[in-house]
Amino acid sequence: MANAVEITSSNFQGEVVESDIPVLIDFWAEWCGPCRAVAPIIDQIAVEYAGKVKVAKLDIDAEPGLASQYGVLSIPTFVLFKDGQVVEQTSGARQKDALVGALNLRSHA
């Protein structure tokens, strides 16, 4: 998680809504095995898309209000924001290429 920004209700506005570049948020929880399994993939995406996409993590146990606001019903859920708006969303652990494809990252970066 070294490359990902931690999102909380206090920094959501500045880190996500006001971001000049798209923001990919990984909604996760410490107890979630699939979330831990996909964490290295999220770190790879953070490195590969550095400067083009901001990669962030949001702990749903710490921030249930934000998880609820964006309709997160299962984790891991990945939400791509552009200009403060949700443009893509997908759930479930996936391989890197499948996740990048599901989020249409290449066209948003």
C-alpha atoms as a PDB file:
ATOM      1  CA  MET A   1       0.000   0.000   0.000  1.00  0.00           C
ATOM      2  CA  ALA A   2       3.016   2.273  -0.056  1.00  0.00           C
ATOM      3  CA  ASN A   3       1.936   3.841  -3.352  1.00  0.00           C
ATOM      4  CA  ALA A   4      -1.735   4.293  -2.491  1.00  0.00           C
ATOM      5  CA  VAL A   5      -3.257   7.287  -0.722  1.00  0.00           C
ATOM      6  CA  GLU A   6      -5.466   6.475   2.272  1.00  0.00           C
ATOM      7  CA  ILE A   7      -8.900   8.058   1.799  1.00  0.00           C
ATOM      8  CA  THR A   8     -11.009   9.222   4.731  1.00  0.00           C
ATOM      9  CA  SER A   9     -14.083  11.404   4.983  1.00  0.00           C
ATOM     10  CA  SER A  10     -11.817  14.294   5.966  1.00  0.00           C
ATOM     11  CA  ASN A  11      -9.599  14.141   2.857  1.00  0.00           C
ATOM     12  CA  PHE A  12     -12.101  12.784   0.287  1.00  0.00           C
ATOM     13  CA  GLN A  13     -12.957  16.223  -1.119  1.00  0.00           C
ATOM     14  CA  GLY A  14      -9.344  17.233  -1.700  1.00  0.00           C
ATOM     15  CA  GLU A  15      -7.917  13.875  -2.775  1.00  0.00           C
ATOM     16  CA  VAL A  16     -10.797  12.685  -4.960  1.00  0.00           C
ATOM     17  CA  VAL A  17     -13.308  15.377  -5.898  1.00  0.00           C
ATOM     18  CA  GLU A  18     -10.709  18.099  -6.509  1.00  0.00           C
ATOM     19  CA  SER A  19      -8.079  15.831  -8.103  1.00  0.00           C
ATOM     20  CA  ASP A  20      -6.661  16.975 -11.444  1.00  0.00           C
ATOM     21  CA  ILE A  21      -6.264  13.344 -12.535  1.00  0.00           C
ATOM     22  CA  PRO A  22      -8.613  10.335 -12.312  1.00  0.00           C
ATOM     23  CA  VAL A  23      -8.686   8.589  -8.923  1.00  0.00           C
ATOM     24  CA  LEU A  24      -9.032   4.828  -8.500  1.00  0.00           C
ATOM     25  CA  ILE A  25     -10.315   3.901  -5.035  1.00  0.00           C
ATOM     26  CA  ASP A  26      -9.980   0.374  -3.701  1.00  0.00           C
ATOM     27  CA  PHE A  27     -12.756  -0.108  -1.116  1.00  0.00           C
ATOM     28  CA  TRP A  28     -11.378  -2.799   1.209  1.00  0.00           C
ATOM     29  CA  ALA A  29     -11.180  -4.093   4.795  1.00  0.00           C
ATOM     30  CA  GLU A  30      -8.383  -5.673   6.826  1.00  0.00           C
ATOM     31  CA  TRP A  31     -10.363  -8.891   7.399  1.00  0.00           C
ATOM     32  CA  CYS A  32     -11.071  -9.394   3.666  1.00  0.00           C
ATOM     33  CA  GLY A  33      -8.886 -12.129   2.164  1.00  0.00           C
ATOM     34  CA  PRO A  34      -9.599 -11.229  -1.485  1.00  0.00           C
ATOM     35  CA  CYS A  35      -8.771  -7.584  -0.644  1.00  0.00           C
ATOM     36  CA  ARG A  36      -5.365  -8.603   0.687  1.00  0.00           C
ATOM     37  CA  ALA A  37      -4.823 -10.832  -2.360  1.00  0.00           C
ATOM     38  CA  VAL A  38      -5.438  -7.969  -4.784  1.00  0.00           C
ATOM     39  CA  ALA A  39      -3.348  -5.404  -2.838  1.00  0.00           C
ATOM     40  CA  PRO A  40      -0.128  -6.124  -4.801  1.00  0.00           C
ATOM     41  CA  ILE A  41      -2.056  -5.641  -8.050  1.00  0.00           C
ATOM     42  CA  ILE A  42      -3.305  -2.266  -6.837  1.00  0.00           C
ATOM     43  CA  ASP A  43       0.301  -1.323  -6.015  1.00  0.00           C
ATOM     44  CA  GLN A  44       1.366  -2.362  -9.549  1.00  0.00           C
ATOM     45  CA  ILE A  45      -1.376  -0.186 -11.051  1.00  0.00           C
ATOM     46  CA  ALA A  46      -0.245   2.721  -8.847  1.00  0.00           C
ATOM     47  CA  VAL A  47       3.301   2.417 -10.221  1.00  0.00           C
ATOM     48  CA  GLU A  48       2.268   1.844 -13.837  1.00  0.00           C
ATOM     49  CA  TYR A  49      -0.198   4.743 -13.921  1.00  0.00           C
ATOM     50  CA  ALA A  50       1.773   7.153 -11.689  1.00  0.00           C
ATOM     51  CA  GLY A  51       1.030  10.722 -12.713  1.00  0.00           C
ATOM     52  CA  LYS A  52      -1.961   9.605 -14.812  1.00  0.00           C
ATOM     53  CA  VAL A  53      -4.206   7.991 -12.193  1.00  0.00           C
ATOM     54  CA  LYS A  54      -4.111   8.495  -8.430  1.00  0.00           C
ATOM     55  CA  VAL A  55      -4.557   5.178  -6.646  1.00  0.00           C
ATOM     56  CA  ALA A  56      -6.216   5.238  -3.238  1.00  0.00           C
ATOM     57  CA  LYS A  57      -7.561   2.840  -0.629  1.00  0.00           C
ATOM     58  CA  LEU A  58     -10.615   3.314   1.562  1.00  0.00           C
ATOM     59  CA  ASP A  59     -11.147   1.069   4.589  1.00  0.00           C
ATOM     60  CA  ILE A  60     -14.904   0.429   4.709  1.00  0.00           C
ATOM     61  CA  ASP A  61     -14.786  -0.347   8.431  1.00  0.00           C
ATOM     62  CA  ALA A  62     -13.248   3.056   9.151  1.00  0.00           C
ATOM     63  CA  GLU A  63     -15.437   4.923   6.625  1.00  0.00           C
ATOM     64  CA  PRO A  64     -18.801   3.125   6.323  1.00  0.00           C
ATOM     65  CA  GLY A  65     -20.563   6.336   5.270  1.00  0.00           C
ATOM     66  CA  LEU A  66     -18.436   6.757   2.143  1.00  0.00           C
ATOM     67  CA  ALA A  67     -18.793   3.070   1.300  1.00  0.00           C
ATOM     68  CA  SER A  68     -22.567   3.370   1.584  1.00  0.00           C
ATOM     69  CA  GLN A  69     -22.660   6.624  -0.398  1.00  0.00           C
ATOM     70  CA  TYR A  70     -21.037   4.874  -3.370  1.00  0.00           C
ATOM     71  CA  GLY A  71     -23.125   1.719  -3.141  1.00  0.00           C
ATOM     72  CA  VAL A  72     -20.337  -0.585  -2.021  1.00  0.00           C
ATOM     73  CA  LEU A  73     -22.099  -3.826  -1.082  1.00  0.00           C
ATOM     74  CA  SER A  74     -19.182  -6.241  -1.405  1.00  0.00           C
ATOM     75  CA  ILE A  75     -15.428  -5.921  -1.271  1.00  0.00           C
ATOM     76  CA  PRO A  76     -13.081  -5.472  -2.862  1.00  0.00           C
ATOM     77  CA  THR A  77     -14.871  -2.841  -4.927  1.00  0.00           C
ATOM     78  CA  PHE A  78     -12.974  -0.524  -7.246  1.00  0.00           C
ATOM     79  CA  VAL A  79     -14.382   2.868  -8.203  1.00  0.00           C
ATOM     80  CA  LEU A  80     -12.794   5.193 -10.757  1.00  0.00           C
ATOM     81  CA  PHE A  81     -13.543   8.886 -10.336  1.00  0.00           C
ATOM     82  CA  LYS A  82     -12.886  11.530 -12.981  1.00  0.00           C
ATOM     83  CA  ASP A  83     -13.591  15.196 -12.293  1.00  0.00           C
ATOM     84  CA  GLY A  84     -15.154  14.119  -8.987  1.00  0.00           C
ATOM     85  CA  GLN A  85     -17.692  11.819 -10.644  1.00  0.00           C
ATOM     86  CA  VAL A  86     -17.877   8.025 -10.772  1.00  0.00           C
ATOM     87  CA  VAL A  87     -17.025   6.885 -14.309  1.00  0.00           C
ATOM     88  CA  GLU A  88     -16.377   3.162 -13.748  1.00  0.00           C
ATOM     89  CA  GLN A  89     -17.038   0.665 -10.954  1.00  0.00           C
ATOM     90  CA  THR A  90     -16.404  -3.060 -10.525  1.00  0.00           C
ATOM     91  CA  SER A  91     -16.250  -5.562  -7.673  1.00  0.00           C
ATOM     92  CA  GLY A  92     -14.286  -8.704  -6.958  1.00  0.00           C
ATOM     93  CA  ALA A  93     -10.666  -9.767  -6.939  1.00  0.00           C
ATOM     94  CA  ARG A  94      -9.218  -9.985 -10.448  1.00  0.00           C
ATOM     95  CA  GLN A  95      -5.927 -10.285 -12.236  1.00  0.00           C
ATOM     96  CA  LYS A  96      -4.341  -6.966 -13.202  1.00  0.00           C
ATOM     97  CA  ASP A  97      -5.285  -7.012 -16.912  1.00  0.00           C
ATOM     98  CA  ALA A  98      -8.889  -7.930 -16.098  1.00  0.00           C
ATOM     99  CA  LEU A  99      -9.143  -5.149 -13.524  1.00  0.00           C
ATOM    100  CA  VAL A 100      -7.580  -2.560 -15.828  1.00  0.00           C
ATOM    101  CA  GLY A 101      -9.962  -3.661 -18.584  1.00  0.00           C
ATOM    102  CA  ALA A 102     -13.056  -3.670 -16.363  1.00  0.00           C
ATOM    103  CA  LEU A 103     -12.287  -0.132 -15.219  1.00  0.00           C
ATOM    104  CA  ASN A 104     -11.384   1.015 -18.727  1.00  0.00           C
ATOM    105  CA  LEU A 105      -8.293   2.586 -17.135  1.00  0.00           C
ATOM    106  CA  ARG A 106      -6.298   3.007 -20.326  1.00  0.00           C
ATOM    107  CA  SER A 107      -8.882   5.313 -21.867  1.00  0.00           C
ATOM    108  CA  HIS A 108      -9.316   7.369 -18.685  1.00  0.00           C
ATOM    109  CA  ALA A 109      -5.619   7.760 -17.888  1.00  0.00           C
END
